[in-house]
Amino acid sequence: MRTFNRKDDSRTGIDIAGKRGQKIRAARGGEVVYSGNGLIGYGELVIIKHSESFLSAYGHNAVRLVKEGQRVKAGTPIARMGLGKDNKPVLHFEIRFRGNPVDPMRYLPKH
């Protein structure tokens, strides 16, 4: 897993290994504000707005399952895992607070 580093612009989130095609689920409920592939370096990308302050981003998907404007609940399948930059199955996951990247590990459940 690649970790977050506030001082490195190439590490604005975490990379989570998995299996190609596995379901990616929304971390929290909200509105899909972006579903596309127009941002360089993210591949097929889904961004969910959870509040006025928080967004979550899910990159390197093989398939997007949601459209812009769609409302989703926590746990809703939003995409299927694709391949990252090193050609291995991975989810690139970011959380933004007021537009700035923050460490997603602070917001994920501890298992």
C-alpha atoms as a PDB file:
ATOM      1  CA  MET A   1       0.000   0.000   0.000  1.00  0.00           C
ATOM      2  CA  ARG A   2       1.293   3.448  -0.911  1.00  0.00           C
ATOM      3  CA  THR A   3       0.909   5.920   1.939  1.00  0.00           C
ATOM      4  CA  PHE A   4      -0.077   9.578   2.193  1.00  0.00           C
ATOM      5  CA  ASN A   5       2.635  12.253   2.447  1.00  0.00           C
ATOM      6  CA  ARG A   6       1.522  15.880   2.808  1.00  0.00           C
ATOM      7  CA  LYS A   7       4.888  17.158   1.488  1.00  0.00           C
ATOM      8  CA  ASP A   8       4.846  15.034  -1.695  1.00  0.00           C
ATOM      9  CA  ASP A   9       2.332  16.090  -4.384  1.00  0.00           C
ATOM     10  CA  SER A  10       2.479  12.595  -5.892  1.00  0.00           C
ATOM     11  CA  ARG A  11       1.220  11.055  -2.616  1.00  0.00           C
ATOM     12  CA  THR A  12      -2.023  12.934  -1.958  1.00  0.00           C
ATOM     13  CA  GLY A  13      -3.837   9.721  -1.037  1.00  0.00           C
ATOM     14  CA  ILE A  14      -3.262   6.043  -0.435  1.00  0.00           C
ATOM     15  CA  ASP A  15      -3.125   3.108  -2.836  1.00  0.00           C
ATOM     16  CA  ILE A  16      -4.941  -0.007  -1.651  1.00  0.00           C
ATOM     17  CA  ALA A  17      -4.138  -3.318  -3.344  1.00  0.00           C
ATOM     18  CA  GLY A  18      -6.931  -5.663  -4.323  1.00  0.00           C
ATOM     19  CA  LYS A  19      -8.258  -7.818  -7.133  1.00  0.00           C
ATOM     20  CA  ARG A  20      -8.990  -6.490 -10.609  1.00  0.00           C
ATOM     21  CA  GLY A  21     -12.731  -6.053 -10.970  1.00  0.00           C
ATOM     22  CA  GLN A  22     -13.565  -6.124  -7.264  1.00  0.00           C
ATOM     23  CA  LYS A  23     -16.267  -3.698  -6.158  1.00  0.00           C
ATOM     24  CA  ILE A  24     -15.218  -0.289  -4.868  1.00  0.00           C
ATOM     25  CA  ARG A  25     -17.723   1.094  -2.375  1.00  0.00           C
ATOM     26  CA  ALA A  26     -18.455   4.639  -1.224  1.00  0.00           C
ATOM     27  CA  ALA A  27     -16.758   5.408   2.092  1.00  0.00           C
ATOM     28  CA  ARG A  28     -19.671   7.667   3.088  1.00  0.00           C
ATOM     29  CA  GLY A  29     -22.902   8.838   1.588  1.00  0.00           C
ATOM     30  CA  GLY A  30     -23.088  11.889  -0.648  1.00  0.00           C
ATOM     31  CA  GLU A  31     -23.437  13.163  -4.201  1.00  0.00           C
ATOM     32  CA  VAL A  32     -21.272  12.035  -7.094  1.00  0.00           C
ATOM     33  CA  VAL A  33     -19.742  15.288  -8.375  1.00  0.00           C
ATOM     34  CA  TYR A  34     -17.365  13.696 -10.904  1.00  0.00           C
ATOM     35  CA  SER A  35     -17.425  10.426 -12.813  1.00  0.00           C
ATOM     36  CA  GLY A  36     -14.999  10.372 -15.723  1.00  0.00           C
ATOM     37  CA  ASN A  37     -11.451   9.990 -16.975  1.00  0.00           C
ATOM     38  CA  GLY A  38     -10.434  13.575 -17.722  1.00  0.00           C
ATOM     39  CA  LEU A  39      -7.976  14.078 -14.856  1.00  0.00           C
ATOM     40  CA  ILE A  40      -4.476  12.917 -15.809  1.00  0.00           C
ATOM     41  CA  GLY A  41      -2.979  10.291 -13.524  1.00  0.00           C
ATOM     42  CA  TYR A  42      -6.237   9.008 -12.021  1.00  0.00           C
ATOM     43  CA  GLY A  43      -7.656   6.835 -14.815  1.00  0.00           C
ATOM     44  CA  GLU A  44     -11.372   6.211 -14.389  1.00  0.00           C
ATOM     45  CA  LEU A  45     -12.209   8.422 -11.405  1.00  0.00           C
ATOM     46  CA  VAL A  46     -15.198   8.923  -9.112  1.00  0.00           C
ATOM     47  CA  ILE A  47     -15.434  11.865  -6.692  1.00  0.00           C
ATOM     48  CA  ILE A  48     -18.132  12.043  -4.010  1.00  0.00           C
ATOM     49  CA  LYS A  49     -19.054  15.211  -2.126  1.00  0.00           C
ATOM     50  CA  HIS A  50     -20.026  14.299   1.439  1.00  0.00           C
ATOM     51  CA  SER A  51     -20.494  17.830   2.815  1.00  0.00           C
ATOM     52  CA  GLU A  52     -19.459  21.388   2.043  1.00  0.00           C
ATOM     53  CA  SER A  53     -16.015  20.521   3.446  1.00  0.00           C
ATOM     54  CA  PHE A  54     -15.358  16.867   2.540  1.00  0.00           C
ATOM     55  CA  LEU A  55     -14.827  14.984  -0.736  1.00  0.00           C
ATOM     56  CA  SER A  56     -13.543  11.475  -1.366  1.00  0.00           C
ATOM     57  CA  ALA A  57     -11.884  10.368  -4.619  1.00  0.00           C
ATOM     58  CA  TYR A  58     -11.545   6.843  -6.006  1.00  0.00           C
ATOM     59  CA  GLY A  59      -9.086   6.407  -8.890  1.00  0.00           C
ATOM     60  CA  HIS A  60      -7.635   3.722 -11.178  1.00  0.00           C
ATOM     61  CA  ASN A  61     -11.009   2.061 -11.715  1.00  0.00           C
ATOM     62  CA  ALA A  62     -11.699  -0.369 -14.546  1.00  0.00           C
ATOM     63  CA  VAL A  63     -15.386   0.599 -14.686  1.00  0.00           C
ATOM     64  CA  ARG A  64     -17.384   3.430 -13.122  1.00  0.00           C
ATOM     65  CA  LEU A  65     -20.836   2.382 -11.851  1.00  0.00           C
ATOM     66  CA  VAL A  66     -22.225   5.829 -10.976  1.00  0.00           C
ATOM     67  CA  LYS A  67     -22.992   9.045 -12.827  1.00  0.00           C
ATOM     68  CA  GLU A  68     -22.539  12.689 -11.873  1.00  0.00           C
ATOM     69  CA  GLY A  69     -25.446  14.010  -9.805  1.00  0.00           C
ATOM     70  CA  GLN A  70     -26.286  10.566  -8.421  1.00  0.00           C
ATOM     71  CA  ARG A  71     -26.732  10.273  -4.646  1.00  0.00           C
ATOM     72  CA  VAL A  72     -25.087   7.287  -2.970  1.00  0.00           C
ATOM     73  CA  LYS A  73     -25.115   5.802   0.519  1.00  0.00           C
ATOM     74  CA  ALA A  74     -22.097   4.514   2.431  1.00  0.00           C
ATOM     75  CA  GLY A  75     -21.219   1.098   1.040  1.00  0.00           C
ATOM     76  CA  THR A  76     -22.849   1.632  -2.356  1.00  0.00           C
ATOM     77  CA  PRO A  77     -20.783   0.043  -5.163  1.00  0.00           C
ATOM     78  CA  ILE A  78     -19.451   2.962  -7.235  1.00  0.00           C
ATOM     79  CA  ALA A  79     -16.778   1.324  -9.414  1.00  0.00           C
ATOM     80  CA  ARG A  80     -14.752  -1.801 -10.126  1.00  0.00           C
ATOM     81  CA  MET A  81     -11.030  -1.904  -9.370  1.00  0.00           C
ATOM     82  CA  GLY A  82      -8.656  -1.419 -12.268  1.00  0.00           C
ATOM     83  CA  LEU A  83      -4.915  -1.267 -12.711  1.00  0.00           C
ATOM     84  CA  GLY A  84      -2.656   1.430 -11.283  1.00  0.00           C
ATOM     85  CA  LYS A  85       0.455   3.000 -12.762  1.00  0.00           C
ATOM     86  CA  ASP A  86       2.533  -0.135 -12.126  1.00  0.00           C
ATOM     87  CA  ASN A  87      -0.060  -2.290 -13.944  1.00  0.00           C
ATOM     88  CA  LYS A  88      -1.259  -3.999 -10.722  1.00  0.00           C
ATOM     89  CA  PRO A  89      -4.808  -3.951  -9.298  1.00  0.00           C
ATOM     90  CA  VAL A  90      -5.136  -0.975  -6.967  1.00  0.00           C
ATOM     91  CA  LEU A  91      -7.566   1.641  -5.684  1.00  0.00           C
ATOM     92  CA  HIS A  92      -6.174   5.157  -5.319  1.00  0.00           C
ATOM     93  CA  PHE A  93      -8.167   6.734  -2.469  1.00  0.00           C
ATOM     94  CA  GLU A  94      -8.068  10.381  -1.417  1.00  0.00           C
ATOM     95  CA  ILE A  95      -9.958  12.553   1.037  1.00  0.00           C
ATOM     96  CA  ARG A  96     -10.035  16.308   0.602  1.00  0.00           C
ATOM     97  CA  PHE A  97     -10.973  18.733   3.388  1.00  0.00           C
ATOM     98  CA  ARG A  98     -11.792  22.210   2.108  1.00  0.00           C
ATOM     99  CA  GLY A  99      -9.952  21.362  -1.100  1.00  0.00           C
ATOM    100  CA  ASN A 100      -6.759  20.142   0.567  1.00  0.00           C
ATOM    101  CA  PRO A 101      -5.635  16.509   0.690  1.00  0.00           C
ATOM    102  CA  VAL A 102      -5.660  14.927   4.149  1.00  0.00           C
ATOM    103  CA  ASP A 103      -4.463  11.518   5.326  1.00  0.00           C
ATOM    104  CA  PRO A 104      -7.308   9.067   4.554  1.00  0.00           C
ATOM    105  CA  MET A 105      -6.088   6.726   7.298  1.00  0.00           C
ATOM    106  CA  ARG A 106      -7.421   9.222   9.863  1.00  0.00           C
ATOM    107  CA  TYR A 107     -10.943   8.640   8.547  1.00  0.00           C
ATOM    108  CA  LEU A 108     -10.969   4.900   7.775  1.00  0.00           C
ATOM    109  CA  PRO A 109     -12.128   2.386  10.374  1.00  0.00           C
ATOM    110  CA  LYS A 110      -9.368   0.629  12.281  1.00  0.00           C
ATOM    111  CA  HIS A 111      -9.509  -3.143  11.852  1.00  0.00           C
END
